[in-house]
Amino acid sequence: MRGNRIIFAALVPALLFSPFQASGRDDGAAKRAWPRFTFGIESSYVLTFMNRSHFNFISADGGRRDVKSFSAGLWSNGQFLVHGGVNLTEKVNISLYTGYGGIFVRERMVPVSVRVSWFYGRDPMKNRWMSFCSVGAGFNNPDRLSRISAEGKAGGGYRISLNRHVKMDLLLAFQEVYTHIRAYENDTGSYVPEERLRRNDTWIGAFTFGIGLVF
């Protein structure tokens, strides 16, 4: 009997305090009002404003051509991306992006990049300002996968919290692409065939204006 009394005396305080402990755990879970994993879609208008190119190729008449050019103007393109990632904290997300988009006149690219995003303000349930940067590679010629492009993006925006699981991002960024666009030969009025091309290096600068949904 004495042993039963000791056990009963030990259980009574535990039973009395257990609701408060459970409540404390629930409050802590409630503070984490953001999902661990994320995925989403993003569509952007791409405004290219500058490009610098260096081409070296064998011309149609057999001569060697070395052409360097720089141009500033406005060229419009579009870009569509999908992504999946993880929220490291309520302020930091890291995601893998891929998709399809234009980078210059009649030039397209499939990018694969890693983006890190920072959010200002500790409450994920409220609208927040954000900034982000990304680096990655791009593929713009399926016949020559060895000619891989490099691309990077830095910018910011505003995240609208529709509910706990759905956010809408309004984005503005500066994008740089070091790529290999096709060389155009004025004498023939056509693009230089791959077998006559020795060098086609191009740097492209653009602004992107995007809208995205994150789940």
N, C-alpha and C. Protein backbone atom coordinates (compact mmCIF):
# COMPACT_ATOMS: atom_id res chain seq x y z
N MET A 1 0.82 -1.21 0.00
CA MET A 1 0.00 0.00 0.00
C MET A 1 0.85 1.26 0.00
N ARG A 2 1.93 1.18 0.75
CA ARG A 2 2.80 2.36 0.83
C ARG A 2 3.39 2.69 -0.54
N GLY A 3 3.75 1.61 -1.30
CA GLY A 3 4.31 1.84 -2.63
C GLY A 3 3.29 2.46 -3.56
N ASN A 4 2.02 2.04 -3.44
CA ASN A 4 0.97 2.63 -4.28
C ASN A 4 0.77 4.11 -3.97
N ARG A 5 0.86 4.46 -2.66
CA ARG A 5 0.70 5.87 -2.29
C ARG A 5 1.81 6.74 -2.89
N ILE A 6 3.03 6.20 -2.90
CA ILE A 6 4.16 6.95 -3.46
C ILE A 6 3.95 7.18 -4.96
N ILE A 7 3.51 6.12 -5.67
CA ILE A 7 3.28 6.25 -7.10
C ILE A 7 2.16 7.26 -7.38
N PHE A 8 1.07 7.17 -6.57
CA PHE A 8 -0.05 8.10 -6.74
C PHE A 8 0.38 9.54 -6.49
N ALA A 9 1.21 9.72 -5.44
CA ALA A 9 1.69 11.06 -5.12
C ALA A 9 2.56 11.62 -6.24
N ALA A 10 3.28 10.77 -6.93
CA ALA A 10 4.14 11.23 -8.04
C ALA A 10 3.33 11.53 -9.29
N LEU A 11 2.25 10.77 -9.53
CA LEU A 11 1.46 10.94 -10.74
C LEU A 11 0.57 12.17 -10.70
N VAL A 12 0.07 12.52 -9.48
CA VAL A 12 -0.86 13.64 -9.38
C VAL A 12 -0.26 14.94 -9.90
N PRO A 13 0.97 15.35 -9.48
CA PRO A 13 1.54 16.60 -10.04
C PRO A 13 1.76 16.53 -11.54
N ALA A 14 2.18 15.36 -12.03
CA ALA A 14 2.41 15.23 -13.47
C ALA A 14 1.12 15.41 -14.25
N LEU A 15 0.02 14.82 -13.74
CA LEU A 15 -1.27 14.96 -14.41
C LEU A 15 -1.77 16.40 -14.36
N LEU A 16 -1.52 17.06 -13.22
CA LEU A 16 -1.97 18.44 -13.07
C LEU A 16 -1.25 19.39 -14.02
N PHE A 17 0.06 19.18 -14.21
CA PHE A 17 0.87 20.11 -15.01
C PHE A 17 0.92 19.73 -16.49
N SER A 18 0.51 18.53 -16.87
CA SER A 18 0.62 18.09 -18.26
C SER A 18 -0.18 18.96 -19.22
N PRO A 19 -1.40 19.46 -18.88
CA PRO A 19 -2.10 20.35 -19.83
C PRO A 19 -1.34 21.62 -20.12
N PHE A 20 -0.66 22.17 -19.07
CA PHE A 20 0.12 23.40 -19.30
C PHE A 20 1.31 23.13 -20.21
N GLN A 21 1.95 21.96 -20.05
CA GLN A 21 3.09 21.62 -20.88
C GLN A 21 2.65 21.42 -22.32
N ALA A 22 1.52 20.74 -22.53
CA ALA A 22 1.02 20.54 -23.89
C ALA A 22 0.67 21.86 -24.54
N SER A 23 0.07 22.77 -23.73
CA SER A 23 -0.28 24.09 -24.25
C SER A 23 0.96 24.84 -24.69
N GLY A 24 2.05 24.73 -23.93
CA GLY A 24 3.30 25.39 -24.29
C GLY A 24 3.85 24.86 -25.59
N ARG A 25 3.76 23.54 -25.80
CA ARG A 25 4.24 22.97 -27.04
C ARG A 25 3.40 23.42 -28.22
N ASP A 26 2.08 23.50 -28.04
CA ASP A 26 1.21 23.95 -29.12
C ASP A 26 1.50 25.40 -29.49
N ASP A 27 1.75 26.26 -28.46
CA ASP A 27 2.06 27.65 -28.74
C ASP A 27 3.34 27.76 -29.55
N GLY A 28 4.32 26.93 -29.23
CA GLY A 28 5.58 26.96 -29.97
C GLY A 28 5.38 26.54 -31.41
N ALA A 29 4.52 25.51 -31.62
CA ALA A 29 4.25 25.06 -32.98
C ALA A 29 3.48 26.13 -33.75
N ALA A 30 2.58 26.83 -33.04
CA ALA A 30 1.79 27.86 -33.72
C ALA A 30 2.67 29.00 -34.20
N LYS A 31 3.74 29.29 -33.49
CA LYS A 31 4.64 30.36 -33.90
C LYS A 31 5.32 30.04 -35.22
N ARG A 32 5.48 28.75 -35.51
CA ARG A 32 6.11 28.34 -36.77
C ARG A 32 5.03 28.27 -37.85
N ALA A 33 4.54 29.45 -38.24
CA ALA A 33 3.45 29.53 -39.22
C ALA A 33 3.98 29.55 -40.64
N TRP A 34 4.90 28.68 -40.96
CA TRP A 34 5.44 28.59 -42.30
C TRP A 34 5.79 27.14 -42.60
N PRO A 35 5.51 26.68 -43.82
CA PRO A 35 5.81 25.29 -44.19
C PRO A 35 7.31 25.09 -44.37
N ARG A 36 7.76 23.89 -44.16
CA ARG A 36 9.19 23.60 -44.31
C ARG A 36 9.59 23.58 -45.78
N PHE A 37 8.81 22.91 -46.62
CA PHE A 37 9.16 22.78 -48.04
C PHE A 37 8.24 23.65 -48.89
N THR A 38 8.78 24.16 -50.00
CA THR A 38 8.04 25.05 -50.88
C THR A 38 8.19 24.63 -52.34
N PHE A 39 7.21 25.01 -53.14
CA PHE A 39 7.33 24.88 -54.59
C PHE A 39 6.47 25.96 -55.21
N GLY A 40 6.71 26.27 -56.48
CA GLY A 40 5.95 27.34 -57.08
C GLY A 40 6.26 27.57 -58.54
N ILE A 41 5.63 28.60 -59.10
CA ILE A 41 5.80 28.99 -60.50
C ILE A 41 6.08 30.49 -60.55
N GLU A 42 6.76 30.90 -61.61
CA GLU A 42 7.13 32.31 -61.76
C GLU A 42 7.17 32.69 -63.23
N SER A 43 6.57 33.80 -63.59
CA SER A 43 6.58 34.29 -64.96
C SER A 43 7.13 35.71 -64.97
N SER A 44 8.02 36.00 -65.92
CA SER A 44 8.69 37.31 -65.94
C SER A 44 8.72 37.90 -67.34
N TYR A 45 8.67 39.22 -67.39
CA TYR A 45 8.96 39.97 -68.60
C TYR A 45 10.43 40.36 -68.54
N VAL A 46 11.19 40.03 -69.60
CA VAL A 46 12.63 40.27 -69.63
C VAL A 46 12.92 41.40 -70.61
N LEU A 47 13.52 42.47 -70.10
CA LEU A 47 13.87 43.62 -70.92
C LEU A 47 15.39 43.68 -71.05
N THR A 48 15.90 43.18 -72.16
CA THR A 48 17.34 43.21 -72.43
C THR A 48 17.74 44.60 -72.90
N PHE A 49 18.81 45.14 -72.31
CA PHE A 49 19.19 46.51 -72.68
C PHE A 49 20.63 46.62 -73.17
N MET A 50 21.43 45.55 -73.08
CA MET A 50 22.83 45.66 -73.46
C MET A 50 23.40 44.28 -73.79
N ASN A 51 24.26 44.23 -74.80
CA ASN A 51 24.98 42.98 -75.07
C ASN A 51 26.33 43.28 -75.72
N ARG A 52 27.29 42.44 -75.37
CA ARG A 52 28.64 42.55 -75.91
C ARG A 52 29.03 41.16 -76.45
N SER A 53 29.43 41.10 -77.73
CA SER A 53 29.70 39.82 -78.37
C SER A 53 31.08 39.77 -79.01
N HIS A 54 31.63 38.56 -79.09
CA HIS A 54 32.89 38.31 -79.78
C HIS A 54 32.72 37.02 -80.59
N PHE A 55 32.75 37.17 -81.94
CA PHE A 55 32.60 36.02 -82.83
C PHE A 55 33.89 35.81 -83.63
N ASN A 56 34.23 34.56 -83.82
CA ASN A 56 35.33 34.19 -84.70
C ASN A 56 34.88 32.97 -85.49
N PHE A 57 34.90 33.10 -86.83
CA PHE A 57 34.38 31.99 -87.65
C PHE A 57 35.02 32.03 -89.04
N ILE A 58 34.86 30.92 -89.74
CA ILE A 58 35.29 30.82 -91.14
C ILE A 58 34.13 31.25 -92.01
N SER A 59 34.34 32.27 -92.80
CA SER A 59 33.26 32.79 -93.64
C SER A 59 32.95 31.84 -94.79
N ALA A 60 31.87 32.14 -95.49
CA ALA A 60 31.45 31.28 -96.60
C ALA A 60 32.48 31.26 -97.72
N ASP A 61 33.29 32.33 -97.89
CA ASP A 61 34.31 32.36 -98.93
C ASP A 61 35.64 31.79 -98.47
N GLY A 62 35.69 31.26 -97.23
CA GLY A 62 36.90 30.61 -96.75
C GLY A 62 37.80 31.48 -95.90
N GLY A 63 37.51 32.76 -95.76
CA GLY A 63 38.34 33.64 -94.95
C GLY A 63 37.97 33.58 -93.47
N ARG A 64 38.91 34.00 -92.64
CA ARG A 64 38.67 34.03 -91.21
C ARG A 64 38.09 35.41 -90.81
N ARG A 65 37.00 35.39 -90.05
CA ARG A 65 36.37 36.62 -89.58
C ARG A 65 36.44 36.68 -88.05
N ASP A 66 36.85 37.84 -87.54
CA ASP A 66 36.86 38.07 -86.10
C ASP A 66 36.07 39.35 -85.85
N VAL A 67 34.91 39.20 -85.23
CA VAL A 67 33.98 40.30 -85.10
C VAL A 67 33.68 40.55 -83.62
N LYS A 68 33.90 41.79 -83.17
CA LYS A 68 33.53 42.20 -81.82
C LYS A 68 32.48 43.30 -81.93
N SER A 69 31.46 43.20 -81.12
CA SER A 69 30.38 44.18 -81.21
C SER A 69 29.83 44.50 -79.83
N PHE A 70 29.30 45.70 -79.72
CA PHE A 70 28.63 46.15 -78.50
C PHE A 70 27.40 46.91 -78.91
N SER A 71 26.28 46.60 -78.30
CA SER A 71 25.05 47.30 -78.66
C SER A 71 24.21 47.54 -77.43
N ALA A 72 23.57 48.70 -77.41
CA ALA A 72 22.66 49.06 -76.34
C ALA A 72 21.31 49.40 -76.97
N GLY A 73 20.31 48.79 -76.45
CA GLY A 73 18.96 48.99 -76.98
C GLY A 73 17.98 48.28 -76.08
N LEU A 74 16.75 48.15 -76.53
CA LEU A 74 15.73 47.48 -75.74
C LEU A 74 15.14 46.34 -76.55
N TRP A 75 15.24 45.13 -76.01
CA TRP A 75 14.68 43.94 -76.63
C TRP A 75 13.82 43.21 -75.59
N SER A 76 12.64 42.80 -76.00
CA SER A 76 11.71 42.17 -75.07
C SER A 76 11.71 40.66 -75.21
N ASN A 77 11.61 39.99 -74.07
CA ASN A 77 11.49 38.53 -74.02
C ASN A 77 10.62 38.15 -72.84
N GLY A 78 10.38 36.87 -72.70
CA GLY A 78 9.62 36.34 -71.58
C GLY A 78 10.36 35.17 -70.95
N GLN A 79 9.97 34.84 -69.74
CA GLN A 79 10.62 33.74 -69.02
C GLN A 79 9.59 33.07 -68.11
N PHE A 80 9.61 31.75 -68.09
CA PHE A 80 8.72 30.98 -67.21
C PHE A 80 9.57 30.00 -66.41
N LEU A 81 9.39 29.99 -65.09
CA LEU A 81 10.20 29.15 -64.21
C LEU A 81 9.32 28.36 -63.25
N VAL A 82 9.81 27.19 -62.87
CA VAL A 82 9.22 26.42 -61.77
C VAL A 82 10.33 26.19 -60.75
N HIS A 83 9.95 25.98 -59.50
CA HIS A 83 10.99 25.83 -58.48
C HIS A 83 10.49 25.00 -57.30
N GLY A 84 11.44 24.45 -56.59
CA GLY A 84 11.16 23.73 -55.35
C GLY A 84 12.29 24.00 -54.38
N GLY A 85 11.95 24.13 -53.10
CA GLY A 85 13.00 24.47 -52.14
C GLY A 85 12.60 24.21 -50.71
N VAL A 86 13.32 24.82 -49.80
CA VAL A 86 13.10 24.62 -48.37
C VAL A 86 13.26 25.94 -47.64
N ASN A 87 12.40 26.20 -46.66
CA ASN A 87 12.53 27.35 -45.77
C ASN A 87 13.49 26.97 -44.64
N LEU A 88 14.67 27.54 -44.64
CA LEU A 88 15.63 27.24 -43.59
C LEU A 88 15.21 27.88 -42.28
N THR A 89 14.68 29.10 -42.35
CA THR A 89 14.11 29.80 -41.19
C THR A 89 12.90 30.57 -41.69
N GLU A 90 12.28 31.36 -40.81
CA GLU A 90 11.17 32.18 -41.25
C GLU A 90 11.62 33.32 -42.16
N LYS A 91 12.94 33.53 -42.27
CA LYS A 91 13.47 34.62 -43.08
C LYS A 91 14.28 34.16 -44.30
N VAL A 92 14.69 32.91 -44.37
CA VAL A 92 15.61 32.46 -45.41
C VAL A 92 15.04 31.24 -46.13
N ASN A 93 15.05 31.31 -47.47
CA ASN A 93 14.63 30.19 -48.31
C ASN A 93 15.70 29.93 -49.35
N ILE A 94 15.93 28.65 -49.66
CA ILE A 94 16.84 28.27 -50.74
C ILE A 94 16.08 27.33 -51.66
N SER A 95 16.13 27.61 -52.97
CA SER A 95 15.33 26.85 -53.93
C SER A 95 16.10 26.59 -55.21
N LEU A 96 15.70 25.53 -55.92
CA LEU A 96 16.25 25.18 -57.22
C LEU A 96 15.24 25.58 -58.29
N TYR A 97 15.70 26.37 -59.28
CA TYR A 97 14.83 26.90 -60.33
C TYR A 97 15.22 26.33 -61.69
N THR A 98 14.22 26.10 -62.53
CA THR A 98 14.47 25.75 -63.92
C THR A 98 13.26 26.19 -64.74
N GLY A 99 13.39 26.18 -66.06
CA GLY A 99 12.28 26.61 -66.90
C GLY A 99 12.73 26.88 -68.31
N TYR A 100 12.19 27.94 -68.90
CA TYR A 100 12.47 28.25 -70.30
C TYR A 100 12.25 29.75 -70.50
N GLY A 101 13.13 30.39 -71.27
CA GLY A 101 12.96 31.82 -71.49
C GLY A 101 13.84 32.38 -72.58
N GLY A 102 13.51 33.58 -73.02
CA GLY A 102 14.32 34.27 -74.01
C GLY A 102 15.39 35.12 -73.36
N ILE A 103 16.54 35.22 -74.03
CA ILE A 103 17.63 36.03 -73.51
C ILE A 103 18.07 37.13 -74.49
N PHE A 104 17.76 36.93 -75.78
CA PHE A 104 18.11 37.92 -76.78
C PHE A 104 17.21 37.70 -77.99
N VAL A 105 17.49 38.39 -79.09
CA VAL A 105 16.66 38.27 -80.28
C VAL A 105 16.75 36.84 -80.83
N ARG A 106 15.64 36.15 -80.84
CA ARG A 106 15.54 34.76 -81.33
C ARG A 106 16.52 33.82 -80.63
N GLU A 107 16.85 34.12 -79.38
CA GLU A 107 17.74 33.26 -78.60
C GLU A 107 17.02 32.83 -77.33
N ARG A 108 17.00 31.52 -77.07
CA ARG A 108 16.31 30.95 -75.92
C ARG A 108 17.29 30.18 -75.04
N MET A 109 16.89 29.94 -73.81
CA MET A 109 17.77 29.24 -72.88
C MET A 109 16.94 28.49 -71.84
N VAL A 110 17.45 27.32 -71.43
CA VAL A 110 16.87 26.56 -70.32
C VAL A 110 17.80 26.75 -69.12
N PRO A 111 17.43 27.55 -68.14
CA PRO A 111 18.31 27.80 -67.00
C PRO A 111 18.10 26.77 -65.89
N VAL A 112 19.16 26.51 -65.14
CA VAL A 112 19.10 25.71 -63.92
C VAL A 112 19.91 26.48 -62.88
N SER A 113 19.25 27.01 -61.85
CA SER A 113 19.93 27.88 -60.91
C SER A 113 19.47 27.62 -59.48
N VAL A 114 20.30 28.08 -58.55
CA VAL A 114 19.98 28.03 -57.12
C VAL A 114 19.75 29.46 -56.65
N ARG A 115 18.62 29.69 -56.00
CA ARG A 115 18.27 31.03 -55.53
C ARG A 115 18.15 31.03 -54.00
N VAL A 116 18.75 32.05 -53.39
CA VAL A 116 18.61 32.27 -51.95
C VAL A 116 17.81 33.55 -51.76
N SER A 117 16.74 33.47 -50.95
CA SER A 117 15.86 34.61 -50.71
C SER A 117 15.87 34.98 -49.24
N TRP A 118 15.87 36.29 -48.97
CA TRP A 118 15.80 36.81 -47.60
C TRP A 118 14.51 37.61 -47.46
N PHE A 119 13.83 37.45 -46.34
CA PHE A 119 12.57 38.15 -46.08
C PHE A 119 12.73 39.03 -44.85
N TYR A 120 12.16 40.24 -44.91
CA TYR A 120 12.29 41.21 -43.84
C TYR A 120 10.99 41.23 -43.02
N GLY A 121 11.15 41.11 -41.71
CA GLY A 121 9.99 40.95 -40.85
C GLY A 121 9.88 39.49 -40.43
N ARG A 122 9.54 39.24 -39.19
CA ARG A 122 9.59 37.89 -38.65
C ARG A 122 8.29 37.13 -38.80
N ASP A 123 7.22 37.78 -39.20
CA ASP A 123 5.92 37.11 -39.26
C ASP A 123 5.62 36.67 -40.69
N PRO A 124 5.69 35.35 -40.99
CA PRO A 124 5.42 34.87 -42.35
C PRO A 124 3.98 35.03 -42.78
N MET A 125 3.08 35.30 -41.85
CA MET A 125 1.67 35.46 -42.19
C MET A 125 1.35 36.88 -42.66
N LYS A 126 2.32 37.79 -42.58
CA LYS A 126 2.12 39.17 -43.01
C LYS A 126 2.84 39.42 -44.34
N ASN A 127 2.42 40.46 -45.03
CA ASN A 127 3.11 40.88 -46.25
C ASN A 127 4.52 41.36 -45.87
N ARG A 128 5.51 41.00 -46.73
CA ARG A 128 6.90 41.34 -46.38
C ARG A 128 7.70 41.72 -47.62
N TRP A 129 8.68 42.60 -47.41
CA TRP A 129 9.67 42.88 -48.44
C TRP A 129 10.68 41.74 -48.48
N MET A 130 11.33 41.58 -49.63
CA MET A 130 12.29 40.49 -49.79
C MET A 130 13.41 40.91 -50.73
N SER A 131 14.52 40.21 -50.64
CA SER A 131 15.61 40.35 -51.61
C SER A 131 16.12 38.95 -51.92
N PHE A 132 16.79 38.82 -53.07
CA PHE A 132 17.25 37.48 -53.48
C PHE A 132 18.40 37.59 -54.46
N CYS A 133 19.13 36.50 -54.59
CA CYS A 133 20.17 36.37 -55.61
C CYS A 133 20.23 34.91 -56.04
N SER A 134 20.66 34.69 -57.28
CA SER A 134 20.75 33.32 -57.79
C SER A 134 21.93 33.20 -58.74
N VAL A 135 22.47 32.01 -58.83
CA VAL A 135 23.53 31.69 -59.78
C VAL A 135 23.22 30.32 -60.38
N GLY A 136 23.65 30.14 -61.62
CA GLY A 136 23.38 28.85 -62.24
C GLY A 136 23.94 28.75 -63.64
N ALA A 137 23.51 27.72 -64.34
CA ALA A 137 23.95 27.45 -65.71
C ALA A 137 22.74 27.48 -66.63
N GLY A 138 23.02 27.60 -67.93
CA GLY A 138 21.95 27.63 -68.91
C GLY A 138 22.33 26.84 -70.15
N PHE A 139 21.33 26.27 -70.81
CA PHE A 139 21.54 25.48 -72.01
C PHE A 139 20.70 26.10 -73.12
N ASN A 140 21.38 26.62 -74.14
CA ASN A 140 20.66 27.27 -75.22
C ASN A 140 20.92 26.64 -76.58
N ASN A 141 21.61 25.52 -76.61
CA ASN A 141 21.86 24.80 -77.87
C ASN A 141 21.86 23.30 -77.58
N PRO A 142 20.74 22.61 -77.83
CA PRO A 142 20.68 21.18 -77.53
C PRO A 142 21.67 20.34 -78.33
N ASP A 143 22.16 20.89 -79.46
CA ASP A 143 23.12 20.15 -80.28
C ASP A 143 24.55 20.27 -79.74
N ARG A 144 24.80 21.25 -78.89
CA ARG A 144 26.13 21.45 -78.33
C ARG A 144 26.00 21.70 -76.83
N LEU A 145 25.75 20.62 -76.08
CA LEU A 145 25.59 20.76 -74.64
C LEU A 145 26.88 21.18 -73.95
N SER A 146 28.02 21.05 -74.64
CA SER A 146 29.28 21.48 -74.05
C SER A 146 29.35 23.01 -73.93
N ARG A 147 28.56 23.72 -74.73
CA ARG A 147 28.55 25.18 -74.67
C ARG A 147 27.54 25.62 -73.61
N ILE A 148 27.94 25.54 -72.36
CA ILE A 148 27.06 25.86 -71.25
C ILE A 148 27.17 27.35 -70.93
N SER A 149 26.05 27.98 -70.73
CA SER A 149 26.01 29.39 -70.36
C SER A 149 26.07 29.54 -68.85
N ALA A 150 26.46 30.72 -68.39
CA ALA A 150 26.43 31.05 -66.96
C ALA A 150 25.46 32.21 -66.78
N GLU A 151 24.66 32.16 -65.74
CA GLU A 151 23.69 33.24 -65.52
C GLU A 151 23.53 33.50 -64.04
N GLY A 152 23.23 34.75 -63.74
CA GLY A 152 23.02 35.16 -62.37
C GLY A 152 21.97 36.25 -62.30
N LYS A 153 21.34 36.37 -61.13
CA LYS A 153 20.26 37.33 -60.98
C LYS A 153 20.29 37.86 -59.55
N ALA A 154 20.02 39.16 -59.39
CA ALA A 154 19.94 39.77 -58.07
C ALA A 154 18.82 40.80 -58.09
N GLY A 155 18.01 40.79 -57.03
CA GLY A 155 16.91 41.73 -57.01
C GLY A 155 16.12 41.67 -55.72
N GLY A 156 14.92 42.14 -55.80
CA GLY A 156 14.06 42.17 -54.62
C GLY A 156 12.61 42.22 -55.03
N GLY A 157 11.75 42.35 -54.03
CA GLY A 157 10.33 42.41 -54.34
C GLY A 157 9.49 42.46 -53.09
N TYR A 158 8.23 42.15 -53.28
CA TYR A 158 7.26 42.23 -52.19
C TYR A 158 6.44 40.95 -52.19
N ARG A 159 6.37 40.29 -51.06
CA ARG A 159 5.61 39.04 -50.92
C ARG A 159 4.28 39.33 -50.24
N ILE A 160 3.20 38.94 -50.91
CA ILE A 160 1.85 39.08 -50.36
C ILE A 160 1.41 37.73 -49.82
N SER A 161 1.09 37.69 -48.54
CA SER A 161 0.68 36.44 -47.90
C SER A 161 -0.82 36.25 -48.07
N LEU A 162 -1.21 35.34 -48.97
CA LEU A 162 -2.63 35.07 -49.20
C LEU A 162 -3.21 34.20 -48.09
N ASN A 163 -2.42 33.22 -47.63
CA ASN A 163 -2.74 32.42 -46.45
C ASN A 163 -1.48 31.70 -46.02
N ARG A 164 -1.59 30.77 -45.11
CA ARG A 164 -0.38 30.12 -44.57
C ARG A 164 0.40 29.39 -45.66
N HIS A 165 -0.30 28.85 -46.64
CA HIS A 165 0.36 28.00 -47.62
C HIS A 165 0.54 28.64 -49.00
N VAL A 166 -0.06 29.79 -49.25
CA VAL A 166 0.01 30.39 -50.58
C VAL A 166 0.50 31.84 -50.46
N LYS A 167 1.57 32.15 -51.21
CA LYS A 167 2.13 33.50 -51.25
C LYS A 167 2.21 33.97 -52.70
N MET A 168 2.11 35.26 -52.91
CA MET A 168 2.29 35.85 -54.24
C MET A 168 3.45 36.84 -54.19
N ASP A 169 4.41 36.68 -55.10
CA ASP A 169 5.59 37.53 -55.14
C ASP A 169 5.54 38.48 -56.33
N LEU A 170 5.86 39.74 -56.07
CA LEU A 170 6.06 40.74 -57.12
C LEU A 170 7.55 41.05 -57.14
N LEU A 171 8.22 40.82 -58.28
CA LEU A 171 9.67 40.78 -58.32
C LEU A 171 10.26 41.72 -59.36
N LEU A 172 11.41 42.29 -59.02
CA LEU A 172 12.22 43.10 -59.93
C LEU A 172 13.66 42.70 -59.74
N ALA A 173 14.39 42.43 -60.85
CA ALA A 173 15.76 41.94 -60.72
C ALA A 173 16.61 42.39 -61.90
N PHE A 174 17.91 42.37 -61.68
CA PHE A 174 18.90 42.56 -62.74
C PHE A 174 19.49 41.20 -63.06
N GLN A 175 19.54 40.85 -64.34
CA GLN A 175 20.02 39.55 -64.77
C GLN A 175 21.23 39.70 -65.69
N GLU A 176 22.25 38.88 -65.44
CA GLU A 176 23.41 38.80 -66.31
C GLU A 176 23.51 37.39 -66.88
N VAL A 177 23.84 37.31 -68.17
CA VAL A 177 24.01 36.02 -68.82
C VAL A 177 25.28 36.05 -69.65
N TYR A 178 26.16 35.09 -69.38
CA TYR A 178 27.32 34.90 -70.25
C TYR A 178 27.03 33.66 -71.07
N THR A 179 26.82 33.84 -72.38
CA THR A 179 26.27 32.76 -73.18
C THR A 179 26.95 32.66 -74.54
N HIS A 180 26.37 31.87 -75.41
CA HIS A 180 26.95 31.60 -76.73
C HIS A 180 25.84 31.63 -77.77
N ILE A 181 25.47 32.84 -78.19
CA ILE A 181 24.42 32.97 -79.17
C ILE A 181 24.99 32.66 -80.56
N ARG A 182 24.09 32.49 -81.51
CA ARG A 182 24.50 32.17 -82.87
C ARG A 182 25.12 33.40 -83.56
N ALA A 183 26.12 33.14 -84.39
CA ALA A 183 26.77 34.22 -85.15
C ALA A 183 26.07 34.39 -86.49
N TYR A 184 25.79 35.64 -86.82
CA TYR A 184 25.08 35.96 -88.07
C TYR A 184 26.08 36.48 -89.10
N GLU A 185 26.04 35.91 -90.30
CA GLU A 185 26.95 36.31 -91.38
C GLU A 185 26.17 37.16 -92.39
N ASN A 186 26.52 38.45 -92.45
CA ASN A 186 25.79 39.37 -93.31
C ASN A 186 25.94 39.02 -94.79
N ASP A 187 27.10 38.47 -95.18
CA ASP A 187 27.33 38.17 -96.60
C ASP A 187 26.35 37.14 -97.13
N THR A 188 25.99 36.18 -96.31
CA THR A 188 25.08 35.12 -96.76
C THR A 188 23.65 35.32 -96.26
N GLY A 189 23.48 36.23 -95.30
CA GLY A 189 22.14 36.45 -94.74
C GLY A 189 21.64 35.28 -93.92
N SER A 190 22.54 34.57 -93.28
CA SER A 190 22.14 33.41 -92.48
C SER A 190 23.10 33.24 -91.31
N TYR A 191 22.76 32.34 -90.41
CA TYR A 191 23.62 32.06 -89.27
C TYR A 191 24.78 31.16 -89.69
N VAL A 192 25.92 31.35 -89.02
CA VAL A 192 27.12 30.57 -89.33
C VAL A 192 26.91 29.13 -88.86
N PRO A 193 27.14 28.13 -89.73
CA PRO A 193 27.02 26.73 -89.31
C PRO A 193 28.01 26.41 -88.19
N GLU A 194 27.65 25.45 -87.37
CA GLU A 194 28.46 25.10 -86.21
C GLU A 194 29.87 24.67 -86.60
N GLU A 195 30.02 24.00 -87.75
CA GLU A 195 31.34 23.50 -88.15
C GLU A 195 32.30 24.62 -88.56
N ARG A 196 31.78 25.81 -88.89
CA ARG A 196 32.64 26.93 -89.25
C ARG A 196 32.82 27.93 -88.11
N LEU A 197 32.20 27.66 -86.99
CA LEU A 197 32.23 28.59 -85.86
C LEU A 197 33.37 28.23 -84.91
N ARG A 198 34.20 29.22 -84.59
CA ARG A 198 35.32 29.00 -83.68
C ARG A 198 35.08 29.64 -82.31
N ARG A 199 34.37 30.75 -82.29
CA ARG A 199 34.10 31.43 -81.02
C ARG A 199 32.81 32.23 -81.13
N ASN A 200 31.98 32.13 -80.10
CA ASN A 200 30.77 32.95 -80.04
C ASN A 200 30.42 33.22 -78.58
N ASP A 201 31.10 34.19 -78.02
CA ASP A 201 30.92 34.55 -76.60
C ASP A 201 30.13 35.86 -76.51
N THR A 202 29.13 35.85 -75.65
CA THR A 202 28.25 37.01 -75.52
C THR A 202 27.90 37.25 -74.06
N TRP A 203 27.98 38.53 -73.64
CA TRP A 203 27.49 38.95 -72.33
C TRP A 203 26.23 39.75 -72.54
N ILE A 204 25.19 39.43 -71.78
CA ILE A 204 23.89 40.08 -71.92
C ILE A 204 23.44 40.60 -70.57
N GLY A 205 22.96 41.84 -70.53
CA GLY A 205 22.39 42.43 -69.33
C GLY A 205 20.92 42.73 -69.53
N ALA A 206 20.09 42.44 -68.52
CA ALA A 206 18.65 42.62 -68.67
C ALA A 206 18.01 42.91 -67.32
N PHE A 207 16.84 43.52 -67.36
CA PHE A 207 15.99 43.67 -66.19
C PHE A 207 14.80 42.72 -66.33
N THR A 208 14.39 42.13 -65.23
CA THR A 208 13.24 41.24 -65.26
C THR A 208 12.16 41.75 -64.30
N PHE A 209 10.92 41.67 -64.75
CA PHE A 209 9.77 42.07 -63.94
C PHE A 209 8.86 40.86 -63.85
N GLY A 210 8.74 40.28 -62.66
CA GLY A 210 8.04 39.02 -62.54
C GLY A 210 6.95 38.98 -61.50
N ILE A 211 6.13 37.95 -61.62
CA ILE A 211 5.10 37.64 -60.64
C ILE A 211 5.11 36.13 -60.42
N GLY A 212 5.01 35.72 -59.16
CA GLY A 212 5.09 34.29 -58.88
C GLY A 212 4.13 33.87 -57.79
N LEU A 213 3.81 32.59 -57.78
CA LEU A 213 3.01 31.98 -56.73
C LEU A 213 3.85 30.92 -56.04
N VAL A 214 3.87 30.96 -54.73
CA VAL A 214 4.64 30.01 -53.93
C VAL A 214 3.69 29.27 -53.01
N PHE A 215 3.84 27.94 -52.97
CA PHE A 215 2.96 27.09 -52.16
C PHE A 215 3.76 26.38 -51.08
